[in-house]
C-alpha atoms as a PDB file:
ATOM      1  CA  MET A   1       0.000   0.000   0.000  1.00  0.00           C
ATOM      2  CA  ARG A   2       1.072   3.592  -0.495  1.00  0.00           C
ATOM      3  CA  VAL A   3       0.761   6.543   1.868  1.00  0.00           C
ATOM      4  CA  LYS A   4       1.708  10.157   1.229  1.00  0.00           C
ATOM      5  CA  VAL A   5       4.268  11.577   3.663  1.00  0.00           C
ATOM      6  CA  TYR A   6       5.187  15.179   4.319  1.00  0.00           C
ATOM      7  CA  ALA A   7       8.302  14.347   6.330  1.00  0.00           C
ATOM      8  CA  PRO A   8      10.272  16.651   8.621  1.00  0.00           C
ATOM      9  CA  PRO A   9      13.548  18.015   7.182  1.00  0.00           C
ATOM     10  CA  PHE A  10      15.839  15.631   9.097  1.00  0.00           C
ATOM     11  CA  ALA A  11      14.024  12.426   8.037  1.00  0.00           C
ATOM     12  CA  LYS A  12      15.734   9.905   5.761  1.00  0.00           C
ATOM     13  CA  ARG A  13      13.949  10.366   2.443  1.00  0.00           C
ATOM     14  CA  GLU A  14      15.443   7.492   0.443  1.00  0.00           C
ATOM     15  CA  LYS A  15      12.267   5.415   0.762  1.00  0.00           C
ATOM     16  CA  ILE A  16       9.943   8.267  -0.241  1.00  0.00           C
ATOM     17  CA  ASP A  17       9.419   8.695  -3.999  1.00  0.00           C
ATOM     18  CA  GLU A  18       9.465  11.988  -5.912  1.00  0.00           C
ATOM     19  CA  ASN A  19       5.730  12.462  -5.252  1.00  0.00           C
ATOM     20  CA  ASN A  20       6.141  11.981  -1.469  1.00  0.00           C
ATOM     21  CA  TYR A  21       4.722   8.428  -1.444  1.00  0.00           C
ATOM     22  CA  LEU A  22       6.040   5.696   0.806  1.00  0.00           C
ATOM     23  CA  GLU A  23       5.402   2.017   0.063  1.00  0.00           C
ATOM     24  CA  LEU A  24       4.308  -0.019   3.125  1.00  0.00           C
ATOM     25  CA  GLN A  25       2.961  -3.486   3.794  1.00  0.00           C
ATOM     26  CA  GLU A  26      -0.732  -3.865   4.586  1.00  0.00           C
ATOM     27  CA  GLY A  27      -1.361  -3.358   8.299  1.00  0.00           C
ATOM     28  CA  ALA A  28       1.666  -1.081   8.803  1.00  0.00           C
ATOM     29  CA  THR A  29       1.568   1.328  11.732  1.00  0.00           C
ATOM     30  CA  LEU A  30       2.673   4.907  12.152  1.00  0.00           C
ATOM     31  CA  LYS A  31       5.591   3.665  14.283  1.00  0.00           C
ATOM     32  CA  GLU A  32       6.867   1.728  11.250  1.00  0.00           C
ATOM     33  CA  VAL A  33       6.902   4.991   9.274  1.00  0.00           C
ATOM     34  CA  PHE A  34       8.984   6.592  12.055  1.00  0.00           C
ATOM     35  CA  ASN A  35      11.381   3.626  11.855  1.00  0.00           C
ATOM     36  CA  LEU A  36      11.649   3.667   8.042  1.00  0.00           C
ATOM     37  CA  LEU A  37      12.328   7.401   7.990  1.00  0.00           C
ATOM     38  CA  GLU A  38      14.704   7.043  10.970  1.00  0.00           C
ATOM     39  CA  ILE A  39      12.864   9.637  13.044  1.00  0.00           C
ATOM     40  CA  PRO A  40      13.994   9.142  16.661  1.00  0.00           C
ATOM     41  CA  LEU A  41      10.976   8.830  18.932  1.00  0.00           C
ATOM     42  CA  PRO A  42      12.127  11.522  21.419  1.00  0.00           C
ATOM     43  CA  ILE A  43      12.500  14.004  18.554  1.00  0.00           C
ATOM     44  CA  GLY A  44       9.307  12.751  16.942  1.00  0.00           C
ATOM     45  CA  ALA A  45       7.440  13.504  20.146  1.00  0.00           C
ATOM     46  CA  VAL A  46       8.306  17.197  19.744  1.00  0.00           C
ATOM     47  CA  PHE A  47       6.555  17.233  16.369  1.00  0.00           C
ATOM     48  CA  LEU A  48       2.829  17.001  15.978  1.00  0.00           C
ATOM     49  CA  CYS A  49       2.160  14.057  13.711  1.00  0.00           C
ATOM     50  CA  ARG A  50      -1.165  13.877  11.907  1.00  0.00           C
ATOM     51  CA  VAL A  51      -2.750  11.218   9.729  1.00  0.00           C
ATOM     52  CA  ASN A  52      -5.301  12.644   7.320  1.00  0.00           C
ATOM     53  CA  TYR A  53      -4.891  15.932   9.236  1.00  0.00           C
ATOM     54  CA  GLU A  54      -6.214  14.377  12.444  1.00  0.00           C
ATOM     55  CA  LYS A  55      -4.401  13.544  15.680  1.00  0.00           C
ATOM     56  CA  ALA A  56      -2.586  10.207  15.483  1.00  0.00           C
ATOM     57  CA  HIS A  57      -0.720   7.799  17.767  1.00  0.00           C
ATOM     58  CA  LEU A  58       2.232   5.520  17.001  1.00  0.00           C
ATOM     59  CA  GLY A  59       0.157   2.326  17.134  1.00  0.00           C
ATOM     60  CA  MET A  60      -2.326   3.587  14.548  1.00  0.00           C
ATOM     61  CA  THR A  61      -2.808   1.212  11.600  1.00  0.00           C
ATOM     62  CA  LEU A  62      -2.459   3.006   8.298  1.00  0.00           C
ATOM     63  CA  GLN A  63      -4.660   2.611   5.229  1.00  0.00           C
ATOM     64  CA  GLU A  64      -4.001   2.976   1.504  1.00  0.00           C
ATOM     65  CA  GLY A  65      -3.904   6.660   0.568  1.00  0.00           C
ATOM     66  CA  ASP A  66      -3.465   8.050   4.090  1.00  0.00           C
ATOM     67  CA  VAL A  67      -1.636  11.377   4.343  1.00  0.00           C
ATOM     68  CA  ILE A  68       0.988  11.661   7.095  1.00  0.00           C
ATOM     69  CA  SER A  69       2.246  15.102   8.004  1.00  0.00           C
ATOM     70  CA  PHE A  70       4.487  16.565  10.692  1.00  0.00           C
ATOM     71  CA  TYR A  71       4.158  19.990  12.255  1.00  0.00           C
ATOM     72  CA  PHE A  72       6.513  21.724  14.631  1.00  0.00           C
ATOM     73  CA  PRO A  73       4.658  23.679  17.305  1.00  0.00           C
ATOM     74  CA  LEU A  74       5.792  27.288  17.238  1.00  0.00           C
ATOM     75  CA  ALA A  75       5.551  29.850  19.938  1.00  0.00           C
ATOM     76  CA  GLY A  76       5.785  33.523  19.409  1.00  0.00           C
ATOM     77  CA  GLY A  77       4.477  36.813  20.354  1.00  0.00           C
END
């Protein structure tokens, strides 16, 4: 199955194609995406990770066509 990934800048992008798609096995979880992209979990916790623009957790099972995005919370004034 394929999911679209908008990865953070430090992620390993070798497994993501030119259209931002990542090939996964059926039943893959969000944690597997973190592992494939070599995103360390402590750093990953700082980012807000969303699946289909909704809150997600590492054990979430992904589906064909899901969109995974990462946001860095910013503070300012």
